[in-house]
Amino acid sequence: MAACVLVPGIVRAETVVDLTWADLLPEGEFALPPELQDLIDHDGPSLQSRQPVSGDTRPDWNGQVVRLPGFIVPIDYSGTGVTAFILVPYVGACVHVPPPPANQLVLVTTERPYESSGLFEAVHVTGMFGTASTSTALADIGYALSADEIRPYRS
């Protein structure tokens, strides 16, 4: 117990839930397969208007610390870093192709700005997770994550 008091990160590391994007989908619901993501007409109506209707979100991890990989779509900056962004499951989501369903998008906020290298950077985000219906100019979002840590993705 004394070690836990002296090094609180040890306990926290054991309680982090590693999620995948499939974990965010209700049972029986499927995300758009990557091989179909390139078949989108980029010259049509706004991308947000073509966001697929999503099923429900999953409250299974509400209030838990989770780690989820994804790509950054910046929303807000402070200095040279991003402080709010949409975490998306594949490159270009919400920017070059219609957004995924709301249950495949996570609004991430962080007090410490993260200096992203761009839209093609994969990251792991760790922090408090929950369902939270949010609407932005880019998409409707089904989840929120208050980031304690944002790191470049390493498999």
C-alpha atoms as a PDB file:
ATOM      1  CA  MET A   1       0.000   0.000   0.000  1.00  0.00           C
ATOM      2  CA  ALA A   2       2.853   2.403   0.788  1.00  0.00           C
ATOM      3  CA  ALA A   3       4.146   1.977  -2.766  1.00  0.00           C
ATOM      4  CA  CYS A   4       0.735   3.007  -4.103  1.00  0.00           C
ATOM      5  CA  VAL A   5       0.822   6.194  -2.038  1.00  0.00           C
ATOM      6  CA  LEU A   6       4.371   7.021  -3.102  1.00  0.00           C
ATOM      7  CA  VAL A   7       3.812   6.133  -6.765  1.00  0.00           C
ATOM      8  CA  PRO A   8       0.122   6.676  -7.572  1.00  0.00           C
ATOM      9  CA  GLY A   9       0.696   6.082 -11.286  1.00  0.00           C
ATOM     10  CA  ILE A  10       1.191   2.379 -10.598  1.00  0.00           C
ATOM     11  CA  VAL A  11      -2.422   1.921  -9.510  1.00  0.00           C
ATOM     12  CA  ARG A  12      -3.749   4.150 -12.293  1.00  0.00           C
ATOM     13  CA  ALA A  13      -1.838   2.236 -14.977  1.00  0.00           C
ATOM     14  CA  GLU A  14      -3.555  -0.974 -13.874  1.00  0.00           C
ATOM     15  CA  THR A  15      -7.008   0.592 -14.072  1.00  0.00           C
ATOM     16  CA  VAL A  16      -6.769   1.958 -17.626  1.00  0.00           C
ATOM     17  CA  VAL A  17      -9.204   0.235 -19.992  1.00  0.00           C
ATOM     18  CA  ASP A  18      -7.825  -0.193 -23.529  1.00  0.00           C
ATOM     19  CA  LEU A  19     -10.657   0.362 -26.000  1.00  0.00           C
ATOM     20  CA  THR A  20     -10.973  -0.206 -29.723  1.00  0.00           C
ATOM     21  CA  TRP A  21     -13.413   1.608 -32.008  1.00  0.00           C
ATOM     22  CA  ALA A  22     -15.531  -1.537 -32.231  1.00  0.00           C
ATOM     23  CA  ASP A  23     -15.999  -1.358 -28.444  1.00  0.00           C
ATOM     24  CA  LEU A  24     -17.926   1.907 -28.908  1.00  0.00           C
ATOM     25  CA  LEU A  25     -20.568   0.333 -31.140  1.00  0.00           C
ATOM     26  CA  PRO A  26     -23.721  -1.233 -29.708  1.00  0.00           C
ATOM     27  CA  GLU A  27     -23.989  -4.982 -30.197  1.00  0.00           C
ATOM     28  CA  GLY A  28     -24.906  -5.823 -33.792  1.00  0.00           C
ATOM     29  CA  GLU A  29     -23.936  -2.418 -35.226  1.00  0.00           C
ATOM     30  CA  PHE A  30     -21.067  -2.112 -37.698  1.00  0.00           C
ATOM     31  CA  ALA A  31     -18.862   0.805 -38.744  1.00  0.00           C
ATOM     32  CA  LEU A  32     -18.220   1.657 -42.380  1.00  0.00           C
ATOM     33  CA  PRO A  33     -15.479  -0.734 -43.556  1.00  0.00           C
ATOM     34  CA  PRO A  34     -12.209   0.975 -44.570  1.00  0.00           C
ATOM     35  CA  GLU A  35     -12.422  -0.402 -48.121  1.00  0.00           C
ATOM     36  CA  LEU A  36     -15.643   1.600 -48.660  1.00  0.00           C
ATOM     37  CA  GLN A  37     -14.332   4.858 -47.214  1.00  0.00           C
ATOM     38  CA  ASP A  38     -12.663   5.828 -50.499  1.00  0.00           C
ATOM     39  CA  LEU A  39     -15.924   5.538 -52.466  1.00  0.00           C
ATOM     40  CA  ILE A  40     -17.239   8.916 -51.229  1.00  0.00           C
ATOM     41  CA  ASP A  41     -18.154  11.737 -53.635  1.00  0.00           C
ATOM     42  CA  HIS A  42     -16.043  14.670 -52.384  1.00  0.00           C
ATOM     43  CA  ASP A  43     -17.843  17.207 -54.600  1.00  0.00           C
ATOM     44  CA  GLY A  44     -21.360  16.645 -53.231  1.00  0.00           C
ATOM     45  CA  PRO A  45     -23.204  18.364 -50.367  1.00  0.00           C
ATOM     46  CA  SER A  46     -21.454  19.243 -47.088  1.00  0.00           C
ATOM     47  CA  LEU A  47     -19.780  16.349 -45.351  1.00  0.00           C
ATOM     48  CA  GLN A  48     -21.744  16.830 -42.114  1.00  0.00           C
ATOM     49  CA  SER A  49     -25.036  16.512 -43.975  1.00  0.00           C
ATOM     50  CA  ARG A  50     -23.892  13.051 -45.109  1.00  0.00           C
ATOM     51  CA  GLN A  51     -23.005  11.761 -41.624  1.00  0.00           C
ATOM     52  CA  PRO A  52     -24.667   8.357 -41.172  1.00  0.00           C
ATOM     53  CA  VAL A  53     -27.280   8.113 -38.463  1.00  0.00           C
ATOM     54  CA  SER A  54     -25.789   6.275 -35.549  1.00  0.00           C
ATOM     55  CA  GLY A  55     -27.287   3.817 -33.180  1.00  0.00           C
ATOM     56  CA  ASP A  56     -26.909   4.273 -29.488  1.00  0.00           C
ATOM     57  CA  THR A  57     -23.732   4.940 -27.596  1.00  0.00           C
ATOM     58  CA  ARG A  58     -22.459   2.509 -24.995  1.00  0.00           C
ATOM     59  CA  PRO A  59     -22.325   3.756 -21.395  1.00  0.00           C
ATOM     60  CA  ASP A  60     -20.192   0.775 -20.305  1.00  0.00           C
ATOM     61  CA  TRP A  61     -17.087   2.909 -19.650  1.00  0.00           C
ATOM     62  CA  ASN A  62     -18.715   6.085 -18.290  1.00  0.00           C
ATOM     63  CA  GLY A  63     -16.468   7.537 -15.600  1.00  0.00           C
ATOM     64  CA  GLN A  64     -13.604   5.145 -16.310  1.00  0.00           C
ATOM     65  CA  VAL A  65     -10.080   5.960 -17.425  1.00  0.00           C
ATOM     66  CA  VAL A  66      -9.599   4.573 -20.930  1.00  0.00           C
ATOM     67  CA  ARG A  67      -6.975   4.591 -23.671  1.00  0.00           C
ATOM     68  CA  LEU A  68      -8.144   4.852 -27.279  1.00  0.00           C
ATOM     69  CA  PRO A  69      -6.089   5.195 -30.483  1.00  0.00           C
ATOM     70  CA  GLY A  70      -7.166   7.423 -33.346  1.00  0.00           C
ATOM     71  CA  PHE A  71      -6.475  10.479 -35.469  1.00  0.00           C
ATOM     72  CA  ILE A  72      -6.795  14.158 -34.532  1.00  0.00           C
ATOM     73  CA  VAL A  73      -9.243  16.573 -36.187  1.00  0.00           C
ATOM     74  CA  PRO A  74      -8.416  19.880 -34.412  1.00  0.00           C
ATOM     75  CA  ILE A  75     -11.188  22.132 -33.094  1.00  0.00           C
ATOM     76  CA  ASP A  76      -9.431  24.572 -30.724  1.00  0.00           C
ATOM     77  CA  TYR A  77      -5.851  25.743 -30.194  1.00  0.00           C
ATOM     78  CA  SER A  78      -3.898  27.411 -27.423  1.00  0.00           C
ATOM     79  CA  GLY A  79      -0.513  28.749 -28.459  1.00  0.00           C
ATOM     80  CA  THR A  80       1.076  26.106 -30.657  1.00  0.00           C
ATOM     81  CA  GLY A  81      -0.966  23.144 -29.431  1.00  0.00           C
ATOM     82  CA  VAL A  82      -4.455  21.759 -29.828  1.00  0.00           C
ATOM     83  CA  THR A  83      -6.688  21.845 -26.717  1.00  0.00           C
ATOM     84  CA  ALA A  84      -9.871  20.364 -28.194  1.00  0.00           C
ATOM     85  CA  PHE A  85     -10.214  17.917 -31.052  1.00  0.00           C
ATOM     86  CA  ILE A  86     -12.347  15.140 -32.455  1.00  0.00           C
ATOM     87  CA  LEU A  87     -10.678  11.743 -32.164  1.00  0.00           C
ATOM     88  CA  VAL A  88     -11.602   9.759 -35.270  1.00  0.00           C
ATOM     89  CA  PRO A  89     -11.003   6.113 -36.222  1.00  0.00           C
ATOM     90  CA  TYR A  90      -9.413   6.707 -39.637  1.00  0.00           C
ATOM     91  CA  VAL A  91      -7.452   9.373 -41.499  1.00  0.00           C
ATOM     92  CA  GLY A  92      -9.545  12.088 -43.112  1.00  0.00           C
ATOM     93  CA  ALA A  93     -12.773  11.406 -41.220  1.00  0.00           C
ATOM     94  CA  CYS A  94     -14.796  14.639 -40.848  1.00  0.00           C
ATOM     95  CA  VAL A  95     -12.415  16.478 -43.178  1.00  0.00           C
ATOM     96  CA  HIS A  96     -12.061  14.640 -46.502  1.00  0.00           C
ATOM     97  CA  VAL A  97     -14.943  12.192 -46.204  1.00  0.00           C
ATOM     98  CA  PRO A  98     -18.301  12.328 -44.425  1.00  0.00           C
ATOM     99  CA  PRO A  99     -17.966  11.843 -40.682  1.00  0.00           C
ATOM    100  CA  PRO A 100     -18.497   8.428 -39.173  1.00  0.00           C
ATOM    101  CA  PRO A 101     -21.622   7.902 -37.048  1.00  0.00           C
ATOM    102  CA  ALA A 102     -21.657   9.836 -33.762  1.00  0.00           C
ATOM    103  CA  ASN A 103     -20.881   6.647 -31.836  1.00  0.00           C
ATOM    104  CA  GLN A 104     -17.557   6.490 -33.685  1.00  0.00           C
ATOM    105  CA  LEU A 105     -16.424  10.012 -32.722  1.00  0.00           C
ATOM    106  CA  VAL A 106     -14.914  11.242 -29.441  1.00  0.00           C
ATOM    107  CA  LEU A 107     -14.613  14.896 -28.392  1.00  0.00           C
ATOM    108  CA  VAL A 108     -11.280  15.223 -26.589  1.00  0.00           C
ATOM    109  CA  THR A 109     -10.363  18.164 -24.372  1.00  0.00           C
ATOM    110  CA  THR A 110      -7.058  18.725 -22.631  1.00  0.00           C
ATOM    111  CA  GLU A 111      -5.699  21.368 -20.290  1.00  0.00           C
ATOM    112  CA  ARG A 112      -2.159  20.906 -21.620  1.00  0.00           C
ATOM    113  CA  PRO A 113      -2.049  21.800 -25.341  1.00  0.00           C
ATOM    114  CA  TYR A 114      -0.844  18.928 -27.523  1.00  0.00           C
ATOM    115  CA  GLU A 115       1.483  19.870 -30.362  1.00  0.00           C
ATOM    116  CA  SER A 116       0.049  17.734 -33.141  1.00  0.00           C
ATOM    117  CA  SER A 117       2.047  17.110 -36.287  1.00  0.00           C
ATOM    118  CA  GLY A 118      -1.147  17.137 -38.383  1.00  0.00           C
ATOM    119  CA  LEU A 119      -4.200  15.187 -39.471  1.00  0.00           C
ATOM    120  CA  PHE A 120      -2.226  12.107 -40.381  1.00  0.00           C
ATOM    121  CA  GLU A 121      -0.733  11.640 -36.909  1.00  0.00           C
ATOM    122  CA  ALA A 122      -2.024   8.632 -35.014  1.00  0.00           C
ATOM    123  CA  VAL A 123      -2.251   9.103 -31.245  1.00  0.00           C
ATOM    124  CA  HIS A 124      -3.199   7.233 -28.100  1.00  0.00           C
ATOM    125  CA  VAL A 125      -5.394   9.312 -25.783  1.00  0.00           C
ATOM    126  CA  THR A 126      -5.809   8.359 -22.122  1.00  0.00           C
ATOM    127  CA  GLY A 127      -8.291   9.967 -19.751  1.00  0.00           C
ATOM    128  CA  MET A 128     -11.758  10.018 -18.214  1.00  0.00           C
ATOM    129  CA  PHE A 129     -14.347   8.756 -20.714  1.00  0.00           C
ATOM    130  CA  GLY A 130     -18.091   9.049 -21.051  1.00  0.00           C
ATOM    131  CA  THR A 131     -21.085   9.355 -23.334  1.00  0.00           C
ATOM    132  CA  ALA A 132     -21.844  12.966 -24.242  1.00  0.00           C
ATOM    133  CA  SER A 133     -23.942  14.091 -27.177  1.00  0.00           C
ATOM    134  CA  THR A 134     -22.223  17.095 -28.784  1.00  0.00           C
ATOM    135  CA  SER A 135     -22.762  18.836 -32.097  1.00  0.00           C
ATOM    136  CA  THR A 136     -20.003  20.745 -33.919  1.00  0.00           C
ATOM    137  CA  ALA A 137     -19.765  22.326 -37.355  1.00  0.00           C
ATOM    138  CA  LEU A 138     -18.047  19.136 -38.527  1.00  0.00           C
ATOM    139  CA  ALA A 139     -20.180  16.391 -36.997  1.00  0.00           C
ATOM    140  CA  ASP A 140     -22.403  15.125 -34.234  1.00  0.00           C
ATOM    141  CA  ILE A 141     -20.305  13.391 -31.569  1.00  0.00           C
ATOM    142  CA  GLY A 142     -21.390  10.650 -29.166  1.00  0.00           C
ATOM    143  CA  TYR A 143     -18.538  10.460 -26.648  1.00  0.00           C
ATOM    144  CA  ALA A 144     -16.222  12.741 -24.671  1.00  0.00           C
ATOM    145  CA  LEU A 145     -12.789  12.157 -23.192  1.00  0.00           C
ATOM    146  CA  SER A 146     -10.956  14.491 -20.811  1.00  0.00           C
ATOM    147  CA  ALA A 147      -7.351  13.733 -21.728  1.00  0.00           C
ATOM    148  CA  ASP A 148      -4.699  13.225 -19.081  1.00  0.00           C
ATOM    149  CA  GLU A 149      -2.208  12.006 -21.675  1.00  0.00           C
ATOM    150  CA  ILE A 150      -1.862  12.239 -25.451  1.00  0.00           C
ATOM    151  CA  ARG A 151       1.019  10.366 -27.041  1.00  0.00           C
ATOM    152  CA  PRO A 152       2.006   9.407 -30.567  1.00  0.00           C
ATOM    153  CA  TYR A 153       0.546   6.002 -31.399  1.00  0.00           C
ATOM    154  CA  ARG A 154       2.780   2.994 -30.944  1.00  0.00           C
ATOM    155  CA  SER A 155       1.305  -0.417 -31.696  1.00  0.00           C
END
